[in-house]
Amino acid sequence: MEAEICKRTGGSEPCDMASTVAQPASLGDLEGEIDKQTALALRPESELQDEEPRVAKSGDHRLHPGMELGMPDLQPLMDEDYGHVITILGAGDAGKTSFLCSLYCMAASGDLEAHGYRFAGSLTLPGFEARTRKSRNWEKGKVPDRMTYRTQYEVDRGAGFMHLDLHRIGQERRMRLFLSDLPGEWTTTLIDNARNADRLRFIDRSDGILILIDGPTLLDRLRRGQTLNQHKILIDRISAIVPNRCPIAVLATKGDQIGMTTPPALDDIVQHARRSGFQAHGAVISSFSGVEEVCSGAGVVESLMTVLASSPNAAYSGTRPEVSARPARFFGWAPVTRGEAR
């Protein structure tokens, strides 16, 4: 089905900026689009070795671009079924993209079955595949300096989201997730000046907010004070944008480097969020682990599900039943989760 879509607003009303684009008209069309994106994502390594994720730009309103979704892309999907919007904030190298990649790899390999969920599709498979490519080729004891591509910062970049559908095992229901992948500069500039909040106004629609902090800095005697103060300011900025006080998880990343120890400063930030009116909890996670004692993905799923369970819209998902069973796995990630990747 083809529809006239306004390039400026993403709406279907006739206007001078309307253009004809392909748009799924039904659940069957959406399933076909997911299958198409799956095929694109599984192209040979040789075709994608130099490819990096494309970023969304203002005015780029294509439906289902594959690498990531922009704000105008979300509404048609949310009209079909409720989608939980999860905003992930954090400075550069805090581990935001690693969190996304870890979650995706566990879903795609079937590791989420232990938590009662199964991978049920994604319209951003090429984007997930491009982001996780670095994490699949490393030797035991030789963890790369970077496990994922850095989310690019561009002046006219719009908010980008990764889409993930999870099937609730035994309930025949689907949970639809839209997880933001934002440059670290968006967080740091918000901390620096409240005037930079405009491009983050979308977070008042969030079902949950994850604040990721580089774990080792919270234990570093020289850096923890500044890090603590910055993230208290960040929570103050968020409270001015989010009047409904959606749940927040404050996550110390790179847990494998700190022995999965909870830094006292993490609790201070969580308590500040609670005093600001948020339902907040803290946790230590390790999206990718370089030590055998800590599994890759430790704490990732638990933190996400805790936030979702605290959301006022927790029960409002999976309104449309699964129409067919999908394979639980399409590639293996078990060696990575054990820290034994080759």
C-alpha atoms as a PDB file:
ATOM      1  CA  MET A   1       0.000   0.000   0.000  1.00  0.00           C
ATOM      2  CA  GLU A   2       1.253   3.481  -0.842  1.00  0.00           C
ATOM      3  CA  ALA A   3       0.232   6.628   0.998  1.00  0.00           C
ATOM      4  CA  GLU A   4       0.909  10.338   0.725  1.00  0.00           C
ATOM      5  CA  ILE A   5       3.116  11.259   3.701  1.00  0.00           C
ATOM      6  CA  CYS A   6       4.083  14.795   4.616  1.00  0.00           C
ATOM      7  CA  LYS A   7       7.861  15.160   4.813  1.00  0.00           C
ATOM      8  CA  ARG A   8       7.551  17.836   7.475  1.00  0.00           C
ATOM      9  CA  THR A   9       4.992  16.355   9.880  1.00  0.00           C
ATOM     10  CA  GLY A  10       4.815  12.698   8.905  1.00  0.00           C
ATOM     11  CA  GLY A  11       1.023  13.024   8.631  1.00  0.00           C
ATOM     12  CA  SER A  12      -1.223  11.830   5.831  1.00  0.00           C
ATOM     13  CA  GLU A  13      -2.952  15.181   5.199  1.00  0.00           C
ATOM     14  CA  PRO A  14      -2.380  16.622   1.679  1.00  0.00           C
ATOM     15  CA  CYS A  15       0.198  19.386   1.555  1.00  0.00           C
ATOM     16  CA  ASP A  16       2.933  20.792  -0.665  1.00  0.00           C
ATOM     17  CA  MET A  17       5.569  18.628   1.040  1.00  0.00           C
ATOM     18  CA  ALA A  18       3.728  15.314   0.643  1.00  0.00           C
ATOM     19  CA  SER A  19       5.461  12.425  -1.084  1.00  0.00           C
ATOM     20  CA  THR A  20       4.432   8.865  -1.870  1.00  0.00           C
ATOM     21  CA  VAL A  21       6.078   6.217   0.330  1.00  0.00           C
ATOM     22  CA  ALA A  22       5.430   2.565   1.018  1.00  0.00           C
ATOM     23  CA  GLN A  23       3.612   2.053   4.288  1.00  0.00           C
ATOM     24  CA  PRO A  24       2.510  -1.247   5.879  1.00  0.00           C
ATOM     25  CA  ALA A  25      -1.292  -1.237   6.053  1.00  0.00           C
ATOM     26  CA  SER A  26      -1.829  -4.251   8.259  1.00  0.00           C
ATOM     27  CA  LEU A  27      -0.158  -6.628  10.676  1.00  0.00           C
ATOM     28  CA  GLY A  28       0.639  -8.916   7.737  1.00  0.00           C
ATOM     29  CA  ASP A  29       2.431  -6.101   5.924  1.00  0.00           C
ATOM     30  CA  LEU A  30       4.372  -5.300   9.099  1.00  0.00           C
ATOM     31  CA  GLU A  31       5.433  -8.942   9.470  1.00  0.00           C
ATOM     32  CA  GLY A  32       6.624  -8.878   5.862  1.00  0.00           C
ATOM     33  CA  GLU A  33       8.652  -5.745   6.519  1.00  0.00           C
ATOM     34  CA  ILE A  34      10.285  -7.407   9.535  1.00  0.00           C
ATOM     35  CA  ASP A  35      11.221 -10.421   7.380  1.00  0.00           C
ATOM     36  CA  LYS A  36      12.687  -8.065   4.780  1.00  0.00           C
ATOM     37  CA  GLN A  37      14.793  -6.271   7.382  1.00  0.00           C
ATOM     38  CA  THR A  38      15.950  -9.625   8.766  1.00  0.00           C
ATOM     39  CA  ALA A  39      17.267 -10.608   5.344  1.00  0.00           C
ATOM     40  CA  LEU A  40      19.082  -7.273   5.045  1.00  0.00           C
ATOM     41  CA  ALA A  41      20.599  -7.674   8.487  1.00  0.00           C
ATOM     42  CA  LEU A  42      22.035 -11.098   7.694  1.00  0.00           C
ATOM     43  CA  ARG A  43      23.951 -10.038   4.606  1.00  0.00           C
ATOM     44  CA  PRO A  44      27.512 -11.429   4.328  1.00  0.00           C
ATOM     45  CA  GLU A  45      30.170  -9.842   6.518  1.00  0.00           C
ATOM     46  CA  SER A  46      32.075  -8.713   3.419  1.00  0.00           C
ATOM     47  CA  GLU A  47      29.201  -6.445   2.409  1.00  0.00           C
ATOM     48  CA  LEU A  48      28.990  -4.730   5.798  1.00  0.00           C
ATOM     49  CA  GLN A  49      32.513  -4.623   7.195  1.00  0.00           C
ATOM     50  CA  ASP A  50      32.895  -0.898   6.542  1.00  0.00           C
ATOM     51  CA  GLU A  51      29.298   0.048   7.256  1.00  0.00           C
ATOM     52  CA  GLU A  52      28.412   2.122  10.289  1.00  0.00           C
ATOM     53  CA  PRO A  53      24.963   2.993  11.601  1.00  0.00           C
ATOM     54  CA  ARG A  54      23.143   5.756   9.752  1.00  0.00           C
ATOM     55  CA  VAL A  55      21.883   8.544  11.966  1.00  0.00           C
ATOM     56  CA  ALA A  56      18.466  10.146  11.727  1.00  0.00           C
ATOM     57  CA  LYS A  57      18.399  13.782  10.641  1.00  0.00           C
ATOM     58  CA  SER A  58      15.757  16.456  10.820  1.00  0.00           C
ATOM     59  CA  GLY A  59      13.363  16.032   7.896  1.00  0.00           C
ATOM     60  CA  ASP A  60      14.359  12.376   7.406  1.00  0.00           C
ATOM     61  CA  HIS A  61      10.938  10.809   7.953  1.00  0.00           C
ATOM     62  CA  ARG A  62      11.169   7.556   6.008  1.00  0.00           C
ATOM     63  CA  LEU A  63       9.085   4.775   7.497  1.00  0.00           C
ATOM     64  CA  HIS A  64      11.213   1.915   8.873  1.00  0.00           C
ATOM     65  CA  PRO A  65      14.662   2.995   7.586  1.00  0.00           C
ATOM     66  CA  GLY A  66      16.213  -0.117   9.134  1.00  0.00           C
ATOM     67  CA  MET A  67      19.219   1.415  10.851  1.00  0.00           C
ATOM     68  CA  GLU A  68      17.117   3.268  13.428  1.00  0.00           C
ATOM     69  CA  LEU A  69      13.700   4.896  13.719  1.00  0.00           C
ATOM     70  CA  GLY A  70      12.988   8.594  14.061  1.00  0.00           C
ATOM     71  CA  MET A  71      10.151  10.109  16.062  1.00  0.00           C
ATOM     72  CA  PRO A  72       7.778  10.271  13.047  1.00  0.00           C
ATOM     73  CA  ASP A  73       8.331   6.539  12.467  1.00  0.00           C
ATOM     74  CA  LEU A  74       7.074   5.565  15.910  1.00  0.00           C
ATOM     75  CA  GLN A  75       3.468   6.735  15.677  1.00  0.00           C
ATOM     76  CA  PRO A  76       2.271   4.250  12.993  1.00  0.00           C
ATOM     77  CA  LEU A  77       3.784   1.390  14.983  1.00  0.00           C
ATOM     78  CA  MET A  78       2.276   2.609  18.245  1.00  0.00           C
ATOM     79  CA  ASP A  79      -1.117   2.979  16.584  1.00  0.00           C
ATOM     80  CA  GLU A  80      -1.003  -0.741  15.815  1.00  0.00           C
ATOM     81  CA  ASP A  81       0.113  -1.866  19.277  1.00  0.00           C
ATOM     82  CA  TYR A  82       1.261  -0.118  22.428  1.00  0.00           C
ATOM     83  CA  GLY A  83       4.990   0.538  22.418  1.00  0.00           C
ATOM     84  CA  HIS A  84       7.056   1.158  25.539  1.00  0.00           C
ATOM     85  CA  VAL A  85       9.461   4.073  25.025  1.00  0.00           C
ATOM     86  CA  ILE A  86      12.667   3.709  27.038  1.00  0.00           C
ATOM     87  CA  THR A  87      14.999   6.714  27.110  1.00  0.00           C
ATOM     88  CA  ILE A  88      18.666   5.883  27.701  1.00  0.00           C
ATOM     89  CA  LEU A  89      20.844   8.770  28.862  1.00  0.00           C
ATOM     90  CA  GLY A  90      24.533   8.946  29.682  1.00  0.00           C
ATOM     91  CA  ALA A  91      27.756  10.689  28.790  1.00  0.00           C
ATOM     92  CA  GLY A  92      30.046   9.482  26.031  1.00  0.00           C
ATOM     93  CA  ASP A  93      31.487   6.004  26.712  1.00  0.00           C
ATOM     94  CA  ALA A  94      29.000   5.393  29.526  1.00  0.00           C
ATOM     95  CA  GLY A  95      27.847   2.261  27.720  1.00  0.00           C
ATOM     96  CA  LYS A  96      24.492   3.230  26.176  1.00  0.00           C
ATOM     97  CA  THR A  97      24.990   1.493  22.838  1.00  0.00           C
ATOM     98  CA  SER A  98      26.626  -1.484  24.549  1.00  0.00           C
ATOM     99  CA  PHE A  99      23.473  -1.858  26.661  1.00  0.00           C
ATOM    100  CA  LEU A 100      21.353  -1.982  23.500  1.00  0.00           C
ATOM    101  CA  CYS A 101      23.670  -4.441  21.794  1.00  0.00           C
ATOM    102  CA  SER A 102      23.811  -6.716  24.820  1.00  0.00           C
ATOM    103  CA  LEU A 103      20.012  -6.801  25.075  1.00  0.00           C
ATOM    104  CA  TYR A 104      19.660  -7.496  21.362  1.00  0.00           C
ATOM    105  CA  CYS A 105      22.218 -10.301  21.348  1.00  0.00           C
ATOM    106  CA  MET A 106      20.549 -12.002  24.287  1.00  0.00           C
ATOM    107  CA  ALA A 107      17.149 -11.709  22.607  1.00  0.00           C
ATOM    108  CA  ALA A 108      18.383 -12.942  19.241  1.00  0.00           C
ATOM    109  CA  SER A 109      20.282 -15.918  20.670  1.00  0.00           C
ATOM    110  CA  GLY A 110      17.463 -17.078  22.922  1.00  0.00           C
ATOM    111  CA  ASP A 111      19.083 -16.137  26.226  1.00  0.00           C
ATOM    112  CA  LEU A 112      16.007 -14.112  27.209  1.00  0.00           C
ATOM    113  CA  GLU A 113      13.983 -17.309  27.489  1.00  0.00           C
ATOM    114  CA  ALA A 114      15.309 -17.691  31.029  1.00  0.00           C
ATOM    115  CA  HIS A 115      13.504 -14.417  31.801  1.00  0.00           C
ATOM    116  CA  GLY A 116      10.273 -15.511  30.115  1.00  0.00           C
ATOM    117  CA  TYR A 117      10.749 -13.695  26.809  1.00  0.00           C
ATOM    118  CA  ARG A 118      11.577 -14.660  23.237  1.00  0.00           C
ATOM    119  CA  PHE A 119      12.744 -12.547  20.298  1.00  0.00           C
ATOM    120  CA  ALA A 120       9.704 -11.658  18.149  1.00  0.00           C
ATOM    121  CA  GLY A 121      11.124  -9.339  15.521  1.00  0.00           C
ATOM    122  CA  SER A 122      12.608  -5.921  14.871  1.00  0.00           C
ATOM    123  CA  LEU A 123      12.321  -3.243  12.225  1.00  0.00           C
ATOM    124  CA  THR A 124      15.854  -2.053  13.028  1.00  0.00           C
ATOM    125  CA  LEU A 125      17.725  -5.318  12.528  1.00  0.00           C
ATOM    126  CA  PRO A 126      20.316  -3.793  10.145  1.00  0.00           C
ATOM    127  CA  GLY A 127      21.018  -1.165  12.801  1.00  0.00           C
ATOM    128  CA  PHE A 128      21.402  -3.733  15.565  1.00  0.00           C
ATOM    129  CA  GLU A 129      23.614  -5.892  13.348  1.00  0.00           C
ATOM    130  CA  ALA A 130      25.851  -2.959  12.424  1.00  0.00           C
ATOM    131  CA  ARG A 131      26.177  -1.940  16.074  1.00  0.00           C
ATOM    132  CA  THR A 132      26.965  -5.446  17.342  1.00  0.00           C
ATOM    133  CA  ARG A 133      29.437  -6.436  14.622  1.00  0.00           C
ATOM    134  CA  LYS A 134      32.489  -5.507  16.696  1.00  0.00           C
ATOM    135  CA  SER A 135      31.294  -7.620  19.634  1.00  0.00           C
ATOM    136  CA  ARG A 136      31.396 -10.882  17.692  1.00  0.00           C
ATOM    137  CA  ASN A 137      35.066 -11.102  16.841  1.00  0.00           C
ATOM    138  CA  TRP A 138      37.327 -11.079  19.886  1.00  0.00           C
ATOM    139  CA  GLU A 139      39.499 -13.566  21.687  1.00  0.00           C
ATOM    140  CA  LYS A 140      39.245 -14.691  25.267  1.00  0.00           C
ATOM    141  CA  GLY A 141      41.261 -12.365  27.474  1.00  0.00           C
ATOM    142  CA  LYS A 142      41.689  -9.811  24.654  1.00  0.00           C
ATOM    143  CA  VAL A 143      38.637  -7.580  24.862  1.00  0.00           C
ATOM    144  CA  PRO A 144      38.680  -4.808  22.195  1.00  0.00           C
ATOM    145  CA  ASP A 145      38.926  -1.189  23.296  1.00  0.00           C
ATOM    146  CA  ARG A 146      35.470  -0.626  21.784  1.00  0.00           C
ATOM    147  CA  MET A 147      32.774  -3.299  21.574  1.00  0.00           C
ATOM    148  CA  THR A 148      30.323  -1.167  19.569  1.00  0.00           C
ATOM    149  CA  TYR A 149      30.279   1.782  17.206  1.00  0.00           C
ATOM    150  CA  ARG A 150      29.978   5.163  18.878  1.00  0.00           C
ATOM    151  CA  THR A 151      26.642   6.889  18.265  1.00  0.00           C
ATOM    152  CA  GLN A 152      27.513   9.826  16.044  1.00  0.00           C
ATOM    153  CA  TYR A 153      26.849  13.404  17.053  1.00  0.00           C
ATOM    154  CA  GLU A 154      25.574  15.738  14.352  1.00  0.00           C
ATOM    155  CA  VAL A 155      24.081  19.197  14.777  1.00  0.00           C
ATOM    156  CA  ASP A 156      20.872  18.334  12.885  1.00  0.00           C
ATOM    157  CA  ARG A 157      20.557  14.802  14.257  1.00  0.00           C
ATOM    158  CA  GLY A 158      17.126  13.789  15.488  1.00  0.00           C
ATOM    159  CA  ALA A 159      16.364  11.344  18.285  1.00  0.00           C
ATOM    160  CA  GLY A 160      16.982   7.775  17.118  1.00  0.00           C
ATOM    161  CA  PHE A 161      15.264   4.646  18.440  1.00  0.00           C
ATOM    162  CA  MET A 162      15.899   0.932  18.166  1.00  0.00           C
ATOM    163  CA  HIS A 163      12.836  -1.298  17.879  1.00  0.00           C
ATOM    164  CA  LEU A 164      12.558  -4.684  19.559  1.00  0.00           C
ATOM    165  CA  ASP A 165       9.522  -6.953  19.871  1.00  0.00           C
ATOM    166  CA  LEU A 166       9.579  -9.586  22.615  1.00  0.00           C
ATOM    167  CA  HIS A 167       7.130 -12.471  22.902  1.00  0.00           C
ATOM    168  CA  ARG A 168       5.963 -13.297  26.434  1.00  0.00           C
ATOM    169  CA  ILE A 169       6.353 -17.046  26.704  1.00  0.00           C
ATOM    170  CA  GLY A 170       3.194 -18.796  27.806  1.00  0.00           C
ATOM    171  CA  GLN A 171       1.009 -15.689  27.484  1.00  0.00           C
ATOM    172  CA  GLU A 172       0.831 -15.323  23.686  1.00  0.00           C
ATOM    173  CA  ARG A 173       1.457 -11.603  24.072  1.00  0.00           C
ATOM    174  CA  ARG A 174       3.973  -9.278  22.570  1.00  0.00           C
ATOM    175  CA  MET A 175       5.931  -6.513  24.276  1.00  0.00           C
ATOM    176  CA  ARG A 176       7.009  -3.767  21.891  1.00  0.00           C
ATOM    177  CA  LEU A 177      10.024  -1.684  22.883  1.00  0.00           C
ATOM    178  CA  PHE A 178      11.454   1.519  21.435  1.00  0.00           C
ATOM    179  CA  LEU A 179      14.846   2.211  23.021  1.00  0.00           C
ATOM    180  CA  SER A 180      16.646   5.473  22.348  1.00  0.00           C
ATOM    181  CA  ASP A 181      20.208   5.546  21.046  1.00  0.00           C
ATOM    182  CA  LEU A 182      21.389   9.108  21.607  1.00  0.00           C
ATOM    183  CA  PRO A 183      24.847  10.690  21.404  1.00  0.00           C
ATOM    184  CA  GLY A 184      26.505  11.250  24.762  1.00  0.00           C
ATOM    185  CA  GLU A 185      26.734  14.949  23.948  1.00  0.00           C
ATOM    186  CA  TRP A 186      22.971  15.237  24.408  1.00  0.00           C
ATOM    187  CA  THR A 187      23.343  14.274  28.060  1.00  0.00           C
ATOM    188  CA  THR A 188      26.420  16.377  28.793  1.00  0.00           C
ATOM    189  CA  THR A 189      24.990  19.522  27.161  1.00  0.00           C
ATOM    190  CA  LEU A 190      21.768  19.096  29.159  1.00  0.00           C
ATOM    191  CA  ILE A 191      23.825  18.945  32.352  1.00  0.00           C
ATOM    192  CA  ASP A 192      25.724  22.071  31.305  1.00  0.00           C
ATOM    193  CA  ASN A 193      22.660  24.156  30.469  1.00  0.00           C
ATOM    194  CA  ALA A 194      18.924  23.622  30.974  1.00  0.00           C
ATOM    195  CA  ARG A 195      18.304  25.487  27.718  1.00  0.00           C
ATOM    196  CA  ASN A 196      19.488  22.377  25.873  1.00  0.00           C
ATOM    197  CA  ALA A 197      16.412  20.432  26.999  1.00  0.00           C
ATOM    198  CA  ASP A 198      14.317  21.179  23.894  1.00  0.00           C
ATOM    199  CA  ARG A 199      15.530  18.240  21.803  1.00  0.00           C
ATOM    200  CA  LEU A 200      14.865  15.914  24.739  1.00  0.00           C
ATOM    201  CA  ARG A 201      11.226  16.948  25.200  1.00  0.00           C
ATOM    202  CA  PHE A 202      10.185  13.550  23.872  1.00  0.00           C
ATOM    203  CA  ILE A 203      11.220  11.911  27.146  1.00  0.00           C
ATOM    204  CA  ASP A 204       7.994  13.084  28.790  1.00  0.00           C
ATOM    205  CA  ARG A 205       6.427  10.227  26.802  1.00  0.00           C
ATOM    206  CA  SER A 206       8.871   7.690  28.238  1.00  0.00           C
ATOM    207  CA  ASP A 207       7.699   4.638  30.136  1.00  0.00           C
ATOM    208  CA  GLY A 208      11.098   4.555  31.816  1.00  0.00           C
ATOM    209  CA  ILE A 209      14.466   6.291  31.847  1.00  0.00           C
ATOM    210  CA  LEU A 210      17.821   4.567  32.169  1.00  0.00           C
ATOM    211  CA  ILE A 211      20.740   6.720  33.301  1.00  0.00           C
ATOM    212  CA  LEU A 212      24.012   4.960  32.544  1.00  0.00           C
ATOM    213  CA  ILE A 213      27.181   5.978  34.385  1.00  0.00           C
ATOM    214  CA  ASP A 214      30.707   4.694  33.845  1.00  0.00           C
ATOM    215  CA  GLY A 215      31.101   2.453  36.907  1.00  0.00           C
ATOM    216  CA  PRO A 216      34.859   2.883  37.480  1.00  0.00           C
ATOM    217  CA  THR A 217      34.454   6.680  37.759  1.00  0.00           C
ATOM    218  CA  LEU A 218      32.072   6.201  40.700  1.00  0.00           C
ATOM    219  CA  LEU A 219      34.828   4.432  42.612  1.00  0.00           C
ATOM    220  CA  ASP A 220      37.649   6.722  41.525  1.00  0.00           C
ATOM    221  CA  ARG A 221      38.597   9.057  44.380  1.00  0.00           C
ATOM    222  CA  LEU A 222      39.484  11.907  42.006  1.00  0.00           C
ATOM    223  CA  ARG A 223      36.458  11.662  39.686  1.00  0.00           C
ATOM    224  CA  ARG A 224      33.541  10.401  41.742  1.00  0.00           C
ATOM    225  CA  GLY A 225      32.685  13.776  43.311  1.00  0.00           C
ATOM    226  CA  GLN A 226      32.308  15.485  39.951  1.00  0.00           C
ATOM    227  CA  THR A 227      30.415  12.511  38.519  1.00  0.00           C
ATOM    228  CA  LEU A 228      28.041  12.491  41.495  1.00  0.00           C
ATOM    229  CA  ASN A 229      27.321  16.202  41.200  1.00  0.00           C
ATOM    230  CA  GLN A 230      26.792  16.050  37.425  1.00  0.00           C
ATOM    231  CA  HIS A 231      24.224  13.283  37.656  1.00  0.00           C
ATOM    232  CA  LYS A 232      22.293  14.988  40.425  1.00  0.00           C
ATOM    233  CA  ILE A 233      22.060  17.994  38.109  1.00  0.00           C
ATOM    234  CA  LEU A 234      20.939  15.675  35.305  1.00  0.00           C
ATOM    235  CA  ILE A 235      18.093  14.352  37.444  1.00  0.00           C
ATOM    236  CA  ASP A 236      17.065  17.929  38.287  1.00  0.00           C
ATOM    237  CA  ARG A 237      16.972  18.730  34.550  1.00  0.00           C
ATOM    238  CA  ILE A 238      14.913  15.610  33.829  1.00  0.00           C
ATOM    239  CA  SER A 239      12.407  16.460  36.566  1.00  0.00           C
ATOM    240  CA  ALA A 240      11.677  19.739  34.765  1.00  0.00           C
ATOM    241  CA  ILE A 241      10.902  17.844  31.525  1.00  0.00           C
ATOM    242  CA  VAL A 242       9.012  14.840  32.920  1.00  0.00           C
ATOM    243  CA  PRO A 243       6.099  16.022  35.069  1.00  0.00           C
ATOM    244  CA  ASN A 244       4.689  12.507  35.530  1.00  0.00           C
ATOM    245  CA  ARG A 245       7.874  11.196  37.123  1.00  0.00           C
ATOM    246  CA  CYS A 246       8.274   7.931  35.189  1.00  0.00           C
ATOM    247  CA  PRO A 247      10.514   5.283  36.809  1.00  0.00           C
ATOM    248  CA  ILE A 248      14.284   5.724  36.616  1.00  0.00           C
ATOM    249  CA  ALA A 249      17.078   3.183  36.796  1.00  0.00           C
ATOM    250  CA  VAL A 250      20.553   4.514  37.581  1.00  0.00           C
ATOM    251  CA  LEU A 251      22.999   1.950  36.245  1.00  0.00           C
ATOM    252  CA  ALA A 252      26.727   1.706  36.932  1.00  0.00           C
ATOM    253  CA  THR A 253      28.203   0.136  33.790  1.00  0.00           C
ATOM    254  CA  LYS A 254      31.374  -1.897  33.213  1.00  0.00           C
ATOM    255  CA  GLY A 255      30.638  -3.966  36.279  1.00  0.00           C
ATOM    256  CA  ASP A 256      33.240  -6.514  35.236  1.00  0.00           C
ATOM    257  CA  GLN A 257      35.913  -3.853  35.883  1.00  0.00           C
ATOM    258  CA  ILE A 258      34.718  -3.171  39.443  1.00  0.00           C
ATOM    259  CA  GLY A 259      33.868  -6.702  40.528  1.00  0.00           C
ATOM    260  CA  MET A 260      30.107  -5.970  40.268  1.00  0.00           C
ATOM    261  CA  THR A 261      30.524  -3.899  43.453  1.00  0.00           C
ATOM    262  CA  THR A 262      27.881  -1.235  44.077  1.00  0.00           C
ATOM    263  CA  PRO A 263      29.622   2.144  44.519  1.00  0.00           C
ATOM    264  CA  PRO A 264      28.285   4.203  47.453  1.00  0.00           C
ATOM    265  CA  ALA A 265      27.969   7.168  45.088  1.00  0.00           C
ATOM    266  CA  LEU A 266      25.405   5.209  43.059  1.00  0.00           C
ATOM    267  CA  ASP A 267      23.113   5.017  46.082  1.00  0.00           C
ATOM    268  CA  ASP A 268      23.510   8.776  46.602  1.00  0.00           C
ATOM    269  CA  ILE A 269      22.258   9.441  43.062  1.00  0.00           C
ATOM    270  CA  VAL A 270      19.334   7.032  43.486  1.00  0.00           C
ATOM    271  CA  GLN A 271      18.294   8.733  46.729  1.00  0.00           C
ATOM    272  CA  HIS A 272      18.453  12.130  45.008  1.00  0.00           C
ATOM    273  CA  ALA A 273      16.127  10.817  42.271  1.00  0.00           C
ATOM    274  CA  ARG A 274      13.681   9.550  44.889  1.00  0.00           C
ATOM    275  CA  ARG A 275      13.697  12.888  46.680  1.00  0.00           C
ATOM    276  CA  SER A 276      12.852  14.445  43.305  1.00  0.00           C
ATOM    277  CA  GLY A 277       9.710  12.324  43.129  1.00  0.00           C
ATOM    278  CA  PHE A 278      10.886   9.503  40.870  1.00  0.00           C
ATOM    279  CA  GLN A 279      10.521   5.799  41.485  1.00  0.00           C
ATOM    280  CA  ALA A 280      14.210   4.985  41.256  1.00  0.00           C
ATOM    281  CA  HIS A 281      16.524   2.058  41.762  1.00  0.00           C
ATOM    282  CA  GLY A 282      20.203   1.465  41.155  1.00  0.00           C
ATOM    283  CA  ALA A 283      22.136  -1.501  39.823  1.00  0.00           C
ATOM    284  CA  VAL A 284      25.523  -2.547  38.518  1.00  0.00           C
ATOM    285  CA  ILE A 285      25.548  -4.062  35.023  1.00  0.00           C
ATOM    286  CA  SER A 286      28.078  -5.518  32.612  1.00  0.00           C
ATOM    287  CA  SER A 287      26.906  -5.392  29.018  1.00  0.00           C
ATOM    288  CA  PHE A 288      30.083  -7.086  27.784  1.00  0.00           C
ATOM    289  CA  SER A 289      32.473  -8.743  30.206  1.00  0.00           C
ATOM    290  CA  GLY A 290      36.207  -9.218  29.906  1.00  0.00           C
ATOM    291  CA  VAL A 291      36.507 -11.559  32.905  1.00  0.00           C
ATOM    292  CA  GLU A 292      35.284 -15.114  33.344  1.00  0.00           C
ATOM    293  CA  GLU A 293      33.734 -14.394  36.754  1.00  0.00           C
ATOM    294  CA  VAL A 294      31.140 -12.016  35.244  1.00  0.00           C
ATOM    295  CA  CYS A 295      28.846 -12.961  32.371  1.00  0.00           C
ATOM    296  CA  SER A 296      28.233 -10.542  29.524  1.00  0.00           C
ATOM    297  CA  GLY A 297      24.750  -9.119  29.931  1.00  0.00           C
ATOM    298  CA  ALA A 298      24.802  -9.292  33.738  1.00  0.00           C
ATOM    299  CA  GLY A 299      22.038  -7.067  35.108  1.00  0.00           C
ATOM    300  CA  VAL A 300      20.901  -5.766  31.713  1.00  0.00           C
ATOM    301  CA  VAL A 301      17.554  -7.551  31.431  1.00  0.00           C
ATOM    302  CA  GLU A 302      16.772  -7.286  35.135  1.00  0.00           C
ATOM    303  CA  SER A 303      17.244  -3.502  35.110  1.00  0.00           C
ATOM    304  CA  LEU A 304      15.068  -3.018  32.046  1.00  0.00           C
ATOM    305  CA  MET A 305      12.265  -5.222  33.349  1.00  0.00           C
ATOM    306  CA  THR A 306      12.318  -3.536  36.774  1.00  0.00           C
ATOM    307  CA  VAL A 307      11.726  -0.165  35.114  1.00  0.00           C
ATOM    308  CA  LEU A 308       8.971  -1.559  32.897  1.00  0.00           C
ATOM    309  CA  ALA A 309       7.253  -3.219  35.858  1.00  0.00           C
ATOM    310  CA  SER A 310       7.206   0.150  37.670  1.00  0.00           C
ATOM    311  CA  SER A 311       5.684   1.996  34.711  1.00  0.00           C
ATOM    312  CA  PRO A 312       2.027   3.074  35.005  1.00  0.00           C
ATOM    313  CA  ASN A 313       1.575   1.473  31.567  1.00  0.00           C
ATOM    314  CA  ALA A 314       3.148  -1.855  32.568  1.00  0.00           C
ATOM    315  CA  ALA A 315      -0.006  -3.844  31.829  1.00  0.00           C
ATOM    316  CA  TYR A 316      -0.756  -2.016  28.586  1.00  0.00           C
ATOM    317  CA  SER A 317       1.264  -4.103  26.138  1.00  0.00           C
ATOM    318  CA  GLY A 318       0.725  -7.057  23.901  1.00  0.00           C
ATOM    319  CA  THR A 319      -2.804  -5.966  22.997  1.00  0.00           C
ATOM    320  CA  ARG A 320      -2.507  -7.847  19.716  1.00  0.00           C
ATOM    321  CA  PRO A 321      -1.805 -11.606  20.042  1.00  0.00           C
ATOM    322  CA  GLU A 322       1.058 -13.271  18.226  1.00  0.00           C
ATOM    323  CA  VAL A 323      -0.114 -14.515  14.825  1.00  0.00           C
ATOM    324  CA  SER A 324       2.673 -17.028  14.326  1.00  0.00           C
ATOM    325  CA  ALA A 325       5.643 -18.474  16.155  1.00  0.00           C
ATOM    326  CA  ARG A 326       9.075 -17.142  15.204  1.00  0.00           C
ATOM    327  CA  PRO A 327      12.369 -18.966  15.531  1.00  0.00           C
ATOM    328  CA  ALA A 328      13.845 -18.443  18.976  1.00  0.00           C
ATOM    329  CA  ARG A 329      17.359 -18.063  17.563  1.00  0.00           C
ATOM    330  CA  PHE A 330      18.949 -16.964  14.329  1.00  0.00           C
ATOM    331  CA  PHE A 331      22.550 -16.784  15.485  1.00  0.00           C
ATOM    332  CA  GLY A 332      24.384 -17.916  18.583  1.00  0.00           C
ATOM    333  CA  TRP A 333      25.736 -15.611  21.264  1.00  0.00           C
ATOM    334  CA  ALA A 334      26.395 -18.149  24.025  1.00  0.00           C
ATOM    335  CA  PRO A 335      30.228 -17.979  23.607  1.00  0.00           C
ATOM    336  CA  VAL A 336      30.145 -14.213  24.178  1.00  0.00           C
ATOM    337  CA  THR A 337      27.926 -14.485  27.246  1.00  0.00           C
ATOM    338  CA  ARG A 338      30.476 -16.849  28.777  1.00  0.00           C
ATOM    339  CA  GLY A 339      33.335 -14.506  27.912  1.00  0.00           C
ATOM    340  CA  GLU A 340      34.835 -17.097  25.582  1.00  0.00           C
ATOM    341  CA  ALA A 341      34.303 -15.503  22.163  1.00  0.00           C
ATOM    342  CA  ARG A 342      36.778 -16.348  19.431  1.00  0.00           C
END
